[in-house]
PDB file of all heavy atoms in Angstrom:
ATOM      1  N   PHE A   1      81.440   5.219 -20.019  1.00  0.00           N
ATOM      2  CA  PHE A   1      79.881   5.267 -19.655  1.00  0.00           C
ATOM      3  C   PHE A   1      79.252   6.308 -20.499  1.00  0.00           C
ATOM      4  O   PHE A   1      79.656   7.524 -20.628  1.00  0.00           O
ATOM      5  CB  PHE A   1      79.921   5.694 -18.122  1.00  0.00           C
ATOM      6  CG  PHE A   1      80.399   4.531 -17.215  1.00  0.00           C
ATOM      7  CD1 PHE A   1      81.387   4.879 -16.305  1.00  0.00           C
ATOM      8  CD2 PHE A   1      79.873   3.305 -17.339  1.00  0.00           C
ATOM      9  CE1 PHE A   1      81.797   3.855 -15.504  1.00  0.00           C
ATOM     10  CE2 PHE A   1      80.473   2.241 -16.476  1.00  0.00           C
ATOM     11  CZ  PHE A   1      81.416   2.600 -15.520  1.00  0.00           C
ATOM     12  N   THR A   2      78.069   5.912 -21.031  1.00  0.00           N
ATOM     13  CA  THR A   2      77.162   6.787 -21.756  1.00  0.00           C
ATOM     14  C   THR A   2      75.783   6.649 -21.251  1.00  0.00           C
ATOM     15  O   THR A   2      75.572   5.987 -20.180  1.00  0.00           O
ATOM     16  CB  THR A   2      77.230   6.319 -23.296  1.00  0.00           C
ATOM     17  OG1 THR A   2      76.548   5.080 -23.382  1.00  0.00           O
ATOM     18  CG2 THR A   2      78.633   6.214 -23.846  1.00  0.00           C
ATOM     19  N   SER A   3      74.882   7.279 -21.945  1.00  0.00           N
ATOM     20  CA  SER A   3      73.427   7.157 -21.509  1.00  0.00           C
ATOM     21  C   SER A   3      72.798   5.882 -22.151  1.00  0.00           C
ATOM     22  O   SER A   3      71.628   5.665 -21.703  1.00  0.00           O
ATOM     23  CB  SER A   3      72.707   8.390 -21.908  1.00  0.00           C
ATOM     24  OG  SER A   3      72.617   8.551 -23.320  1.00  0.00           O
ATOM     25  N   GLY A   4      73.425   5.052 -23.029  1.00  0.00           N
ATOM     26  CA  GLY A   4      72.860   3.896 -23.614  1.00  0.00           C
ATOM     27  C   GLY A   4      73.455   3.670 -24.953  1.00  0.00           C
ATOM     28  O   GLY A   4      74.387   4.384 -25.408  1.00  0.00           O
ATOM     29  N   THR A   5      72.944   2.646 -25.560  1.00  0.00           N
ATOM     30  CA  THR A   5      73.462   2.256 -26.842  1.00  0.00           C
ATOM     31  C   THR A   5      73.345   3.325 -27.941  1.00  0.00           C
ATOM     32  O   THR A   5      74.198   3.488 -28.645  1.00  0.00           O
ATOM     33  CB  THR A   5      72.664   0.951 -27.357  1.00  0.00           C
ATOM     34  OG1 THR A   5      72.717   0.004 -26.382  1.00  0.00           O
ATOM     35  CG2 THR A   5      73.274   0.408 -28.691  1.00  0.00           C
ATOM     36  N   THR A   6      72.241   4.046 -27.973  1.00  0.00           N
ATOM     37  CA  THR A   6      72.153   5.130 -28.933  1.00  0.00           C
ATOM     38  C   THR A   6      73.322   6.127 -28.758  1.00  0.00           C
ATOM     39  O   THR A   6      73.969   6.581 -29.726  1.00  0.00           O
ATOM     40  CB  THR A   6      70.832   5.909 -28.767  1.00  0.00           C
ATOM     41  OG1 THR A   6      69.776   4.879 -29.013  1.00  0.00           O
ATOM     42  CG2 THR A   6      70.694   7.018 -29.702  1.00  0.00           C
ATOM     43  N   ALA A   7      73.560   6.616 -27.520  1.00  0.00           N
ATOM     44  CA  ALA A   7      74.621   7.532 -27.348  1.00  0.00           C
ATOM     45  C   ALA A   7      75.975   6.995 -27.641  1.00  0.00           C
ATOM     46  O   ALA A   7      76.868   7.638 -28.151  1.00  0.00           O
ATOM     47  CB  ALA A   7      74.634   8.000 -25.852  1.00  0.00           C
ATOM     48  N   SER A   8      76.214   5.666 -27.457  1.00  0.00           N
ATOM     49  CA  SER A   8      77.481   5.087 -27.717  1.00  0.00           C
ATOM     50  C   SER A   8      77.738   5.035 -29.219  1.00  0.00           C
ATOM     51  O   SER A   8      78.887   5.394 -29.566  1.00  0.00           O
ATOM     52  CB  SER A   8      77.418   3.607 -27.142  1.00  0.00           C
ATOM     53  OG  SER A   8      77.333   3.662 -25.695  1.00  0.00           O
ATOM     54  N   ILE A   9      76.778   4.692 -29.998  1.00  0.00           N
ATOM     55  CA  ILE A   9      76.952   4.546 -31.432  1.00  0.00           C
ATOM     56  C   ILE A   9      77.126   6.019 -31.946  1.00  0.00           C
ATOM     57  O   ILE A   9      77.936   6.280 -32.859  1.00  0.00           O
ATOM     58  CB  ILE A   9      75.834   3.868 -32.086  1.00  0.00           C
ATOM     59  CG1 ILE A   9      75.716   2.422 -31.614  1.00  0.00           C
ATOM     60  CG2 ILE A   9      75.899   3.977 -33.654  1.00  0.00           C
ATOM     61  CD1 ILE A   9      74.550   1.702 -32.075  1.00  0.00           C
ATOM     62  N   ASN A  10      76.447   6.980 -31.420  1.00  0.00           N
ATOM     63  CA  ASN A  10      76.558   8.292 -31.936  1.00  0.00           C
ATOM     64  C   ASN A  10      78.028   8.801 -31.575  1.00  0.00           C
ATOM     65  O   ASN A  10      78.588   9.708 -32.306  1.00  0.00           O
ATOM     66  CB  ASN A  10      75.511   9.193 -31.265  1.00  0.00           C
ATOM     67  CG  ASN A  10      74.279   9.393 -32.065  1.00  0.00           C
ATOM     68  OD1 ASN A  10      74.191  10.125 -32.943  1.00  0.00           O
ATOM     69  ND2 ASN A  10      73.278   8.385 -31.769  1.00  0.00           N
ATOM     70  N   LEU A  11      78.469   8.394 -30.386  1.00  0.00           N
ATOM     71  CA  LEU A  11      79.795   8.821 -30.015  1.00  0.00           C
ATOM     72  C   LEU A  11      80.857   8.284 -31.049  1.00  0.00           C
ATOM     73  O   LEU A  11      81.841   9.083 -31.426  1.00  0.00           O
ATOM     74  CB  LEU A  11      80.192   8.239 -28.561  1.00  0.00           C
ATOM     75  CG  LEU A  11      81.620   8.469 -28.146  1.00  0.00           C
ATOM     76  CD1 LEU A  11      81.966   9.970 -28.194  1.00  0.00           C
ATOM     77  CD2 LEU A  11      81.693   7.959 -26.698  1.00  0.00           C
ATOM     78  N   VAL A  12      80.646   7.045 -31.486  1.00  0.00           N
ATOM     79  CA  VAL A  12      81.645   6.549 -32.599  1.00  0.00           C
ATOM     80  C   VAL A  12      81.447   7.354 -33.761  1.00  0.00           C
ATOM     81  O   VAL A  12      82.382   7.737 -34.584  1.00  0.00           O
ATOM     82  CB  VAL A  12      81.425   5.035 -32.680  1.00  0.00           C
ATOM     83  CG1 VAL A  12      82.429   4.568 -33.837  1.00  0.00           C
ATOM     84  CG2 VAL A  12      81.620   4.326 -31.452  1.00  0.00           C
ATOM     85  N   ALA A  13      80.130   7.483 -34.222  1.00  0.00           N
ATOM     86  CA  ALA A  13      79.852   8.270 -35.439  1.00  0.00           C
ATOM     87  C   ALA A  13      80.530   9.633 -35.460  1.00  0.00           C
ATOM     88  O   ALA A  13      81.067  10.045 -36.448  1.00  0.00           O
ATOM     89  CB  ALA A  13      78.385   8.311 -35.713  1.00  0.00           C
ATOM     90  N   TYR A  14      80.339  10.405 -34.344  1.00  0.00           N
ATOM     91  CA  TYR A  14      80.812  11.724 -34.350  1.00  0.00           C
ATOM     92  C   TYR A  14      82.291  11.970 -33.951  1.00  0.00           C
ATOM     93  O   TYR A  14      82.900  12.787 -34.439  1.00  0.00           O
ATOM     94  CB  TYR A  14      79.889  12.612 -33.325  1.00  0.00           C
ATOM     95  CG  TYR A  14      78.529  12.995 -33.932  1.00  0.00           C
ATOM     96  CD1 TYR A  14      77.427  12.068 -33.975  1.00  0.00           C
ATOM     97  CD2 TYR A  14      78.391  14.235 -34.570  1.00  0.00           C
ATOM     98  CE1 TYR A  14      76.193  12.488 -34.448  1.00  0.00           C
ATOM     99  CE2 TYR A  14      77.156  14.612 -35.124  1.00  0.00           C
ATOM    100  CZ  TYR A  14      76.125  13.720 -35.111  1.00  0.00           C
ATOM    101  OH  TYR A  14      74.858  14.020 -35.646  1.00  0.00           O
ATOM    102  N   GLY A  15      82.624  10.991 -33.098  1.00  0.00           N
ATOM    103  CA  GLY A  15      84.013  11.036 -32.569  1.00  0.00           C
ATOM    104  C   GLY A  15      85.051  10.472 -33.492  1.00  0.00           C
ATOM    105  O   GLY A  15      86.269  10.870 -33.475  1.00  0.00           O
ATOM    106  N   TYR A  16      84.764   9.382 -34.175  1.00  0.00           N
ATOM    107  CA  TYR A  16      85.598   8.754 -34.995  1.00  0.00           C
ATOM    108  C   TYR A  16      85.257   8.984 -36.540  1.00  0.00           C
ATOM    109  O   TYR A  16      86.133   9.458 -37.255  1.00  0.00           O
ATOM    110  CB  TYR A  16      85.634   7.215 -34.749  1.00  0.00           C
ATOM    111  CG  TYR A  16      86.645   6.515 -35.600  1.00  0.00           C
ATOM    112  CD1 TYR A  16      87.965   6.432 -35.135  1.00  0.00           C
ATOM    113  CD2 TYR A  16      86.370   6.005 -36.892  1.00  0.00           C
ATOM    114  CE1 TYR A  16      88.979   5.759 -35.982  1.00  0.00           C
ATOM    115  CE2 TYR A  16      87.301   5.355 -37.719  1.00  0.00           C
ATOM    116  CZ  TYR A  16      88.567   5.236 -37.204  1.00  0.00           C
ATOM    117  OH  TYR A  16      89.492   4.631 -38.020  1.00  0.00           O
ATOM    118  N   ALA A  17      84.075   8.647 -36.992  1.00  0.00           N
ATOM    119  CA  ALA A  17      83.794   8.706 -38.445  1.00  0.00           C
ATOM    120  C   ALA A  17      83.837  10.092 -38.953  1.00  0.00           C
ATOM    121  O   ALA A  17      84.344  10.346 -40.005  1.00  0.00           O
ATOM    122  CB  ALA A  17      82.437   8.077 -38.658  1.00  0.00           C
ATOM    123  N   MET A  18      83.323  10.988 -38.211  1.00  0.00           N
ATOM    124  CA  MET A  18      83.316  12.460 -38.569  1.00  0.00           C
ATOM    125  C   MET A  18      84.820  12.898 -38.816  1.00  0.00           C
ATOM    126  O   MET A  18      85.130  13.845 -39.512  1.00  0.00           O
ATOM    127  CB  MET A  18      82.531  13.382 -37.661  1.00  0.00           C
ATOM    128  CG  MET A  18      81.083  13.146 -37.669  1.00  0.00           C
ATOM    129  SD  MET A  18      80.267  13.929 -39.143  1.00  0.00           S
ATOM    130  CE  MET A  18      78.593  13.958 -38.620  1.00  0.00           C
ATOM    131  N   LYS A  19      85.678  12.343 -37.978  1.00  0.00           N
ATOM    132  CA  LYS A  19      86.986  12.801 -37.992  1.00  0.00           C
ATOM    133  C   LYS A  19      87.918  12.220 -39.172  1.00  0.00           C
ATOM    134  O   LYS A  19      88.715  12.834 -39.829  1.00  0.00           O
ATOM    135  CB  LYS A  19      87.684  12.578 -36.587  1.00  0.00           C
ATOM    136  CG  LYS A  19      89.063  13.103 -36.486  1.00  0.00           C
ATOM    137  CD  LYS A  19      89.633  12.873 -35.037  1.00  0.00           C
ATOM    138  CE  LYS A  19      90.978  13.522 -34.756  1.00  0.00           C
ATOM    139  NZ  LYS A  19      91.528  13.285 -33.508  1.00  0.00           N
ATOM    140  N   TYR A  20      87.657  10.917 -39.455  1.00  0.00           N
ATOM    141  CA  TYR A  20      88.486  10.233 -40.278  1.00  0.00           C
ATOM    142  C   TYR A  20      88.014   9.897 -41.629  1.00  0.00           C
ATOM    143  O   TYR A  20      88.725   9.584 -42.579  1.00  0.00           O
ATOM    144  CB  TYR A  20      89.054   8.915 -39.561  1.00  0.00           C
ATOM    145  CG  TYR A  20      89.904   9.268 -38.411  1.00  0.00           C
ATOM    146  CD1 TYR A  20      89.474   9.153 -37.080  1.00  0.00           C
ATOM    147  CD2 TYR A  20      91.182   9.771 -38.503  1.00  0.00           C
ATOM    148  CE1 TYR A  20      90.196   9.442 -35.998  1.00  0.00           C
ATOM    149  CE2 TYR A  20      92.049  10.077 -37.369  1.00  0.00           C
ATOM    150  CZ  TYR A  20      91.468   9.879 -36.159  1.00  0.00           C
ATOM    151  OH  TYR A  20      92.271  10.236 -35.131  1.00  0.00           O
ATOM    152  N   LEU A  21      86.671   9.819 -41.798  1.00  0.00           N
ATOM    153  CA  LEU A  21      86.142   9.459 -43.110  1.00  0.00           C
ATOM    154  C   LEU A  21      86.156  10.669 -44.077  1.00  0.00           C
ATOM    155  O   LEU A  21      86.069  11.861 -43.634  1.00  0.00           O
ATOM    156  CB  LEU A  21      84.698   8.882 -42.892  1.00  0.00           C
ATOM    157  CG  LEU A  21      84.559   7.438 -42.843  1.00  0.00           C
ATOM    158  CD1 LEU A  21      85.351   6.864 -41.616  1.00  0.00           C
ATOM    159  CD2 LEU A  21      83.194   6.986 -42.708  1.00  0.00           C
ATOM    160  N   LYS A  22      86.279  10.287 -45.317  1.00  0.00           N
ATOM    161  CA  LYS A  22      86.335  11.381 -46.382  1.00  0.00           C
ATOM    162  C   LYS A  22      85.220  11.119 -47.405  1.00  0.00           C
ATOM    163  O   LYS A  22      84.545  10.099 -47.352  1.00  0.00           O
ATOM    164  CB  LYS A  22      87.651  11.169 -47.013  1.00  0.00           C
ATOM    165  CG  LYS A  22      88.972  11.392 -46.162  1.00  0.00           C
ATOM    166  CD  LYS A  22      90.287  11.367 -46.873  1.00  0.00           C
ATOM    167  CE  LYS A  22      90.535  10.075 -47.731  1.00  0.00           C
ATOM    168  NZ  LYS A  22      90.723   8.988 -46.700  1.00  0.00           N
ATOM    169  N   GLU A  23      85.173  12.154 -48.276  1.00  0.00           N
ATOM    170  CA  GLU A  23      84.077  12.057 -49.298  1.00  0.00           C
ATOM    171  C   GLU A  23      84.329  10.787 -50.088  1.00  0.00           C
ATOM    172  O   GLU A  23      85.445  10.535 -50.586  1.00  0.00           O
ATOM    173  CB  GLU A  23      84.073  13.218 -50.172  1.00  0.00           C
ATOM    174  CG  GLU A  23      83.020  13.260 -51.250  1.00  0.00           C
ATOM    175  CD  GLU A  23      83.066  14.615 -52.024  1.00  0.00           C
ATOM    176  OE1 GLU A  23      83.860  15.504 -51.682  1.00  0.00           O
ATOM    177  OE2 GLU A  23      82.273  14.756 -52.941  1.00  0.00           O
ATOM    178  N   GLY A  24      83.259  10.063 -50.366  1.00  0.00           N
ATOM    179  CA  GLY A  24      83.414   8.827 -51.219  1.00  0.00           C
ATOM    180  C   GLY A  24      83.618   7.537 -50.379  1.00  0.00           C
ATOM    181  O   GLY A  24      83.478   6.511 -50.889  1.00  0.00           O
ATOM    182  N   ASP A  25      84.088   7.695 -49.091  1.00  0.00           N
ATOM    183  CA  ASP A  25      84.281   6.486 -48.235  1.00  0.00           C
ATOM    184  C   ASP A  25      82.866   5.833 -48.035  1.00  0.00           C
ATOM    185  O   ASP A  25      81.858   6.519 -48.033  1.00  0.00           O
ATOM    186  CB  ASP A  25      84.855   6.910 -46.898  1.00  0.00           C
ATOM    187  CG  ASP A  25      86.363   7.187 -47.066  1.00  0.00           C
ATOM    188  OD1 ASP A  25      86.948   6.764 -48.125  1.00  0.00           O
ATOM    189  OD2 ASP A  25      86.914   7.819 -46.203  1.00  0.00           O
ATOM    190  N   GLU A  26      82.878   4.586 -47.707  1.00  0.00           N
ATOM    191  CA  GLU A  26      81.579   3.825 -47.586  1.00  0.00           C
ATOM    192  C   GLU A  26      81.439   3.259 -46.148  1.00  0.00           C
ATOM    193  O   GLU A  26      82.445   2.775 -45.611  1.00  0.00           O
ATOM    194  CB  GLU A  26      81.542   2.743 -48.563  1.00  0.00           C
ATOM    195  CG  GLU A  26      80.268   1.879 -48.531  1.00  0.00           C
ATOM    196  CD  GLU A  26      80.243   0.703 -49.577  1.00  0.00           C
ATOM    197  OE1 GLU A  26      81.076  -0.179 -49.345  1.00  0.00           O
ATOM    198  OE2 GLU A  26      79.415   0.659 -50.416  1.00  0.00           O
ATOM    199  N   ILE A  27      80.222   3.308 -45.661  1.00  0.00           N
ATOM    200  CA  ILE A  27      79.821   2.708 -44.394  1.00  0.00           C
ATOM    201  C   ILE A  27      78.808   1.600 -44.901  1.00  0.00           C
ATOM    202  O   ILE A  27      77.783   1.963 -45.525  1.00  0.00           O
ATOM    203  CB  ILE A  27      79.125   3.766 -43.476  1.00  0.00           C
ATOM    204  CG1 ILE A  27      80.065   4.870 -43.148  1.00  0.00           C
ATOM    205  CG2 ILE A  27      78.732   2.980 -42.094  1.00  0.00           C
ATOM    206  CD1 ILE A  27      79.431   6.065 -42.599  1.00  0.00           C
ATOM    207  N   LEU A  28      79.011   0.387 -44.329  1.00  0.00           N
ATOM    208  CA  LEU A  28      78.080  -0.634 -44.689  1.00  0.00           C
ATOM    209  C   LEU A  28      77.213  -1.070 -43.423  1.00  0.00           C
ATOM    210  O   LEU A  28      77.693  -1.138 -42.316  1.00  0.00           O
ATOM    211  CB  LEU A  28      78.846  -1.972 -45.068  1.00  0.00           C
ATOM    212  CG  LEU A  28      79.462  -1.883 -46.445  1.00  0.00           C
ATOM    213  CD1 LEU A  28      80.249  -3.229 -46.708  1.00  0.00           C
ATOM    214  CD2 LEU A  28      78.557  -1.712 -47.521  1.00  0.00           C
ATOM    215  N   LEU A  29      75.891  -1.148 -43.740  1.00  0.00           N
ATOM    216  CA  LEU A  29      74.896  -1.528 -42.716  1.00  0.00           C
ATOM    217  C   LEU A  29      74.118  -2.756 -43.167  1.00  0.00           C
ATOM    218  O   LEU A  29      74.440  -3.329 -44.249  1.00  0.00           O
ATOM    219  CB  LEU A  29      73.993  -0.395 -42.414  1.00  0.00           C
ATOM    220  CG  LEU A  29      74.621   0.924 -42.271  1.00  0.00           C
ATOM    221  CD1 LEU A  29      73.421   2.074 -42.222  1.00  0.00           C
ATOM    222  CD2 LEU A  29      75.429   1.001 -40.929  1.00  0.00           C
ATOM    223  N   THR A  30      73.159  -3.146 -42.455  1.00  0.00           N
ATOM    224  CA  THR A  30      72.137  -4.141 -42.965  1.00  0.00           C
ATOM    225  C   THR A  30      70.809  -3.644 -42.833  1.00  0.00           C
ATOM    226  O   THR A  30      70.471  -2.727 -42.108  1.00  0.00           O
ATOM    227  CB  THR A  30      72.214  -5.566 -42.325  1.00  0.00           C
ATOM    228  OG1 THR A  30      71.503  -5.456 -41.042  1.00  0.00           O
ATOM    229  CG2 THR A  30      73.675  -5.961 -42.135  1.00  0.00           C
ATOM    230  N   GLU A  31      69.816  -4.190 -43.548  1.00  0.00           N
ATOM    231  CA  GLU A  31      68.371  -3.775 -43.470  1.00  0.00           C
ATOM    232  C   GLU A  31      67.817  -4.080 -42.060  1.00  0.00           C
ATOM    233  O   GLU A  31      66.768  -3.461 -41.747  1.00  0.00           O
ATOM    234  CB  GLU A  31      67.569  -4.597 -44.508  1.00  0.00           C
ATOM    235  CG  GLU A  31      67.974  -4.221 -46.016  1.00  0.00           C
ATOM    236  CD  GLU A  31      67.056  -5.131 -46.903  1.00  0.00           C
ATOM    237  OE1 GLU A  31      65.891  -4.870 -46.953  1.00  0.00           O
ATOM    238  OE2 GLU A  31      67.679  -6.080 -47.451  1.00  0.00           O
ATOM    239  N   ALA A  32      68.470  -4.911 -41.295  1.00  0.00           N
ATOM    240  CA  ALA A  32      67.788  -5.238 -39.944  1.00  0.00           C
ATOM    241  C   ALA A  32      68.254  -4.407 -38.843  1.00  0.00           C
ATOM    242  O   ALA A  32      67.866  -4.682 -37.739  1.00  0.00           O
ATOM    243  CB  ALA A  32      68.233  -6.780 -39.677  1.00  0.00           C
ATOM    244  N   GLU A  33      69.041  -3.313 -39.152  1.00  0.00           N
ATOM    245  CA  GLU A  33      69.521  -2.514 -38.043  1.00  0.00           C
ATOM    246  C   GLU A  33      68.411  -1.720 -37.416  1.00  0.00           C
ATOM    247  O   GLU A  33      67.565  -1.138 -38.084  1.00  0.00           O
ATOM    248  CB  GLU A  33      70.697  -1.618 -38.520  1.00  0.00           C
ATOM    249  CG  GLU A  33      71.849  -2.312 -39.197  1.00  0.00           C
ATOM    250  CD  GLU A  33      72.455  -3.458 -38.214  1.00  0.00           C
ATOM    251  OE1 GLU A  33      72.581  -3.261 -37.099  1.00  0.00           O
ATOM    252  OE2 GLU A  33      72.658  -4.557 -38.782  1.00  0.00           O
ATOM    253  N   HIS A  34      68.634  -1.426 -36.130  1.00  0.00           N
ATOM    254  CA  HIS A  34      67.820  -0.592 -35.342  1.00  0.00           C
ATOM    255  C   HIS A  34      68.139   0.899 -35.876  1.00  0.00           C
ATOM    256  O   HIS A  34      69.201   1.289 -36.293  1.00  0.00           O
ATOM    257  CB  HIS A  34      68.089  -0.785 -33.875  1.00  0.00           C
ATOM    258  CG  HIS A  34      67.280   0.081 -32.926  1.00  0.00           C
ATOM    259  ND1 HIS A  34      67.421   1.348 -32.678  1.00  0.00           N
ATOM    260  CD2 HIS A  34      66.294  -0.438 -32.088  1.00  0.00           C
ATOM    261  CE1 HIS A  34      66.577   1.790 -31.763  1.00  0.00           C
ATOM    262  NE2 HIS A  34      65.829   0.692 -31.445  1.00  0.00           N
ATOM    263  N   ALA A  35      67.215   1.854 -35.660  1.00  0.00           N
ATOM    264  CA  ALA A  35      67.410   3.133 -36.071  1.00  0.00           C
ATOM    265  C   ALA A  35      68.628   3.817 -35.345  1.00  0.00           C
ATOM    266  O   ALA A  35      69.377   4.699 -36.103  1.00  0.00           O
ATOM    267  CB  ALA A  35      66.181   3.987 -35.631  1.00  0.00           C
ATOM    268  N   SER A  36      69.021   3.357 -34.239  1.00  0.00           N
ATOM    269  CA  SER A  36      70.227   3.961 -33.507  1.00  0.00           C
ATOM    270  C   SER A  36      71.498   3.468 -34.174  1.00  0.00           C
ATOM    271  O   SER A  36      72.554   4.063 -34.042  1.00  0.00           O
ATOM    272  CB  SER A  36      70.247   3.410 -32.129  1.00  0.00           C
ATOM    273  OG  SER A  36      69.103   3.865 -31.278  1.00  0.00           O
ATOM    274  N   ASN A  37      71.358   2.468 -35.052  1.00  0.00           N
ATOM    275  CA  ASN A  37      72.554   2.079 -35.824  1.00  0.00           C
ATOM    276  C   ASN A  37      72.405   2.284 -37.403  1.00  0.00           C
ATOM    277  O   ASN A  37      73.072   1.690 -38.094  1.00  0.00           O
ATOM    278  CB  ASN A  37      72.910   0.606 -35.559  1.00  0.00           C
ATOM    279  CG  ASN A  37      74.346   0.176 -36.007  1.00  0.00           C
ATOM    280  OD1 ASN A  37      75.203   1.057 -35.889  1.00  0.00           O
ATOM    281  ND2 ASN A  37      74.470  -0.982 -36.483  1.00  0.00           N
TER     282      ASN A  37
END
């Protein structure tokens, strides 16, 4: 349970990506994404 989609995505970004991604790793998005993503 979170406060909403924004908090959920931030939880993944800070709880997973910040822990496991390294310099030079890539994250792919699309131009159509909401600011929260």
